[in-house]
Amino acid sequence: MKTEIIFIVQESLDGGYEARALSDSIFTEAENLEELKKNIKEAVACHFEEGEMPKIIRLHYIKEEVIAA
């Protein structure tokens, strides 16, 4: 059983946010961060069988910014 699962969270090109798990095939998206967190919990619960779900969900936020040179 895994003790934690890590997601990369970034702003979507279409607006809103998207999250992708590093070690498992889990992806979800939402319009805001509060909804995204809810969707991540639901996606993790659907992906793992009862008793095998990680105890910790860790989110790494990535923000890309472009500035003029």
N, C-alpha and C. Protein backbone atom coordinates (compact mmCIF):
# COMPACT_ATOMS: atom_id res chain seq x y z
N MET A 1 0.83 -1.18 0.00
CA MET A 1 0.00 0.00 0.00
C MET A 1 0.88 1.25 0.00
N LYS A 2 0.54 2.20 -0.84
CA LYS A 2 1.26 3.46 -0.89
C LYS A 2 0.87 4.33 0.30
N THR A 3 1.84 5.09 0.80
CA THR A 3 1.51 6.00 1.88
C THR A 3 1.08 7.37 1.35
N GLU A 4 1.56 7.73 0.14
CA GLU A 4 1.15 9.00 -0.44
C GLU A 4 1.16 8.93 -1.96
N ILE A 5 0.43 9.85 -2.56
CA ILE A 5 0.39 9.99 -4.01
C ILE A 5 0.64 11.47 -4.31
N ILE A 6 1.41 11.75 -5.34
CA ILE A 6 1.79 13.12 -5.67
C ILE A 6 1.15 13.53 -6.98
N PHE A 7 0.55 14.72 -6.99
CA PHE A 7 -0.05 15.30 -8.18
C PHE A 7 0.68 16.58 -8.56
N ILE A 8 0.86 16.79 -9.85
CA ILE A 8 1.34 18.06 -10.39
C ILE A 8 0.10 18.86 -10.77
N VAL A 9 -0.01 20.08 -10.25
CA VAL A 9 -1.16 20.94 -10.51
C VAL A 9 -0.68 22.16 -11.29
N GLN A 10 -1.38 22.45 -12.38
CA GLN A 10 -1.03 23.64 -13.16
C GLN A 10 -2.27 24.24 -13.79
N GLU A 11 -2.15 25.50 -14.18
CA GLU A 11 -3.25 26.16 -14.86
C GLU A 11 -3.43 25.53 -16.24
N SER A 12 -4.67 25.35 -16.63
CA SER A 12 -4.99 24.77 -17.93
C SER A 12 -4.93 25.85 -19.00
N LEU A 13 -4.57 25.48 -20.21
CA LEU A 13 -4.55 26.43 -21.32
C LEU A 13 -5.96 26.93 -21.64
N ASP A 14 -6.96 26.12 -21.34
CA ASP A 14 -8.36 26.48 -21.60
C ASP A 14 -9.00 27.22 -20.43
N GLY A 15 -8.24 27.52 -19.39
CA GLY A 15 -8.76 28.13 -18.18
C GLY A 15 -8.99 27.07 -17.13
N GLY A 16 -9.01 27.45 -15.89
CA GLY A 16 -9.16 26.48 -14.81
C GLY A 16 -7.83 25.82 -14.48
N TYR A 17 -7.92 24.64 -13.90
CA TYR A 17 -6.73 23.92 -13.43
C TYR A 17 -6.81 22.45 -13.82
N GLU A 18 -5.64 21.83 -13.91
CA GLU A 18 -5.58 20.39 -14.17
C GLU A 18 -4.54 19.77 -13.24
N ALA A 19 -4.76 18.51 -12.91
CA ALA A 19 -3.87 17.78 -12.01
C ALA A 19 -3.60 16.39 -12.58
N ARG A 20 -2.33 15.99 -12.52
CA ARG A 20 -1.92 14.69 -13.04
C ARG A 20 -1.04 14.01 -11.99
N ALA A 21 -1.37 12.76 -11.67
CA ALA A 21 -0.57 11.99 -10.71
C ALA A 21 0.75 11.58 -11.35
N LEU A 22 1.82 11.58 -10.57
CA LEU A 22 3.12 11.20 -11.10
C LEU A 22 3.28 9.70 -11.26
N SER A 23 2.75 8.93 -10.33
CA SER A 23 3.02 7.49 -10.33
C SER A 23 1.85 6.63 -10.81
N ASP A 24 0.71 7.24 -11.07
CA ASP A 24 -0.46 6.48 -11.49
C ASP A 24 -1.16 7.21 -12.64
N SER A 25 -1.99 6.51 -13.37
CA SER A 25 -2.73 7.11 -14.50
C SER A 25 -4.00 7.79 -13.99
N ILE A 26 -3.81 8.91 -13.31
CA ILE A 26 -4.94 9.66 -12.78
C ILE A 26 -4.81 11.10 -13.26
N PHE A 27 -5.87 11.62 -13.87
CA PHE A 27 -5.91 12.99 -14.36
C PHE A 27 -7.29 13.56 -14.08
N THR A 28 -7.32 14.82 -13.65
CA THR A 28 -8.60 15.49 -13.45
C THR A 28 -8.41 16.98 -13.66
N GLU A 29 -9.52 17.68 -13.82
CA GLU A 29 -9.47 19.13 -14.04
C GLU A 29 -10.69 19.78 -13.41
N ALA A 30 -10.61 21.12 -13.23
CA ALA A 30 -11.71 21.86 -12.63
C ALA A 30 -11.55 23.34 -12.92
N GLU A 31 -12.62 24.08 -12.67
CA GLU A 31 -12.62 25.53 -12.91
C GLU A 31 -11.85 26.30 -11.84
N ASN A 32 -11.81 25.77 -10.59
CA ASN A 32 -11.11 26.47 -9.52
C ASN A 32 -10.39 25.45 -8.64
N LEU A 33 -9.52 25.94 -7.75
CA LEU A 33 -8.70 25.04 -6.94
C LEU A 33 -9.52 24.24 -5.93
N GLU A 34 -10.55 24.84 -5.37
CA GLU A 34 -11.39 24.12 -4.41
C GLU A 34 -12.07 22.92 -5.06
N GLU A 35 -12.61 23.13 -6.24
CA GLU A 35 -13.25 22.04 -7.00
C GLU A 35 -12.22 21.01 -7.44
N LEU A 36 -11.03 21.48 -7.79
CA LEU A 36 -9.98 20.55 -8.21
C LEU A 36 -9.59 19.61 -7.08
N LYS A 37 -9.46 20.12 -5.87
CA LYS A 37 -9.12 19.28 -4.72
C LYS A 37 -10.19 18.21 -4.50
N LYS A 38 -11.45 18.61 -4.63
CA LYS A 38 -12.54 17.65 -4.49
C LYS A 38 -12.46 16.57 -5.57
N ASN A 39 -12.19 17.00 -6.81
CA ASN A 39 -12.09 16.06 -7.93
C ASN A 39 -10.89 15.11 -7.77
N ILE A 40 -9.79 15.62 -7.22
CA ILE A 40 -8.62 14.77 -7.00
C ILE A 40 -8.96 13.68 -5.99
N LYS A 41 -9.60 14.04 -4.89
CA LYS A 41 -9.98 13.04 -3.88
C LYS A 41 -10.89 11.97 -4.48
N GLU A 42 -11.87 12.39 -5.28
CA GLU A 42 -12.78 11.44 -5.93
C GLU A 42 -12.03 10.54 -6.91
N ALA A 43 -11.12 11.11 -7.69
CA ALA A 43 -10.36 10.32 -8.66
C ALA A 43 -9.48 9.29 -7.98
N VAL A 44 -8.84 9.68 -6.89
CA VAL A 44 -7.99 8.75 -6.15
C VAL A 44 -8.84 7.62 -5.56
N ALA A 45 -10.00 7.97 -5.01
CA ALA A 45 -10.89 6.95 -4.43
C ALA A 45 -11.37 5.97 -5.49
N CYS A 46 -11.60 6.45 -6.72
CA CYS A 46 -12.04 5.56 -7.80
C CYS A 46 -10.90 4.67 -8.32
N HIS A 47 -9.69 5.18 -8.26
CA HIS A 47 -8.54 4.47 -8.82
C HIS A 47 -8.07 3.31 -7.95
N PHE A 48 -8.14 3.48 -6.64
CA PHE A 48 -7.64 2.47 -5.71
C PHE A 48 -8.78 1.69 -5.07
N GLU A 49 -8.52 0.43 -4.79
CA GLU A 49 -9.50 -0.39 -4.09
C GLU A 49 -9.49 -0.03 -2.60
N GLU A 50 -10.57 -0.36 -1.93
CA GLU A 50 -10.68 -0.06 -0.51
C GLU A 50 -9.52 -0.69 0.26
N GLY A 51 -8.92 0.06 1.15
CA GLY A 51 -7.79 -0.43 1.92
C GLY A 51 -6.45 -0.22 1.25
N GLU A 52 -6.43 0.16 -0.03
CA GLU A 52 -5.18 0.38 -0.75
C GLU A 52 -4.95 1.86 -1.07
N MET A 53 -5.92 2.70 -0.72
CA MET A 53 -5.83 4.12 -1.02
C MET A 53 -4.73 4.78 -0.18
N PRO A 54 -3.90 5.63 -0.79
CA PRO A 54 -2.86 6.34 -0.03
C PRO A 54 -3.47 7.22 1.07
N LYS A 55 -2.74 7.38 2.14
CA LYS A 55 -3.23 8.18 3.26
C LYS A 55 -3.02 9.68 3.02
N ILE A 56 -2.05 10.03 2.16
CA ILE A 56 -1.72 11.43 1.90
C ILE A 56 -1.77 11.70 0.40
N ILE A 57 -2.40 12.81 0.04
CA ILE A 57 -2.39 13.29 -1.34
C ILE A 57 -1.59 14.59 -1.33
N ARG A 58 -0.45 14.58 -2.01
CA ARG A 58 0.43 15.75 -2.03
C ARG A 58 0.27 16.47 -3.37
N LEU A 59 0.10 17.80 -3.31
CA LEU A 59 -0.08 18.60 -4.52
C LEU A 59 1.15 19.50 -4.72
N HIS A 60 1.75 19.43 -5.91
CA HIS A 60 2.85 20.31 -6.28
C HIS A 60 2.31 21.27 -7.33
N TYR A 61 2.30 22.56 -6.99
CA TYR A 61 1.78 23.56 -7.89
C TYR A 61 2.88 24.10 -8.79
N ILE A 62 2.59 24.15 -10.09
CA ILE A 62 3.54 24.68 -11.06
C ILE A 62 2.89 25.88 -11.73
N LYS A 63 3.60 26.97 -11.76
CA LYS A 63 3.09 28.16 -12.43
C LYS A 63 4.16 28.61 -13.42
N GLU A 64 3.77 28.61 -14.67
CA GLU A 64 4.69 29.04 -15.72
C GLU A 64 4.39 30.50 -16.06
N GLU A 65 5.45 31.28 -16.18
CA GLU A 65 5.28 32.69 -16.48
C GLU A 65 6.31 33.09 -17.55
N VAL A 66 5.86 33.87 -18.51
CA VAL A 66 6.75 34.35 -19.57
C VAL A 66 6.86 35.86 -19.44
N ILE A 67 8.09 36.33 -19.47
CA ILE A 67 8.31 37.77 -19.41
C ILE A 67 9.11 38.22 -20.63
N ALA A 68 8.93 39.46 -20.99
CA ALA A 68 9.67 39.99 -22.14
C ALA A 68 11.13 40.17 -21.78
N ALA A 69 11.99 39.92 -22.74
CA ALA A 69 13.44 40.04 -22.50
C ALA A 69 13.90 41.47 -22.66
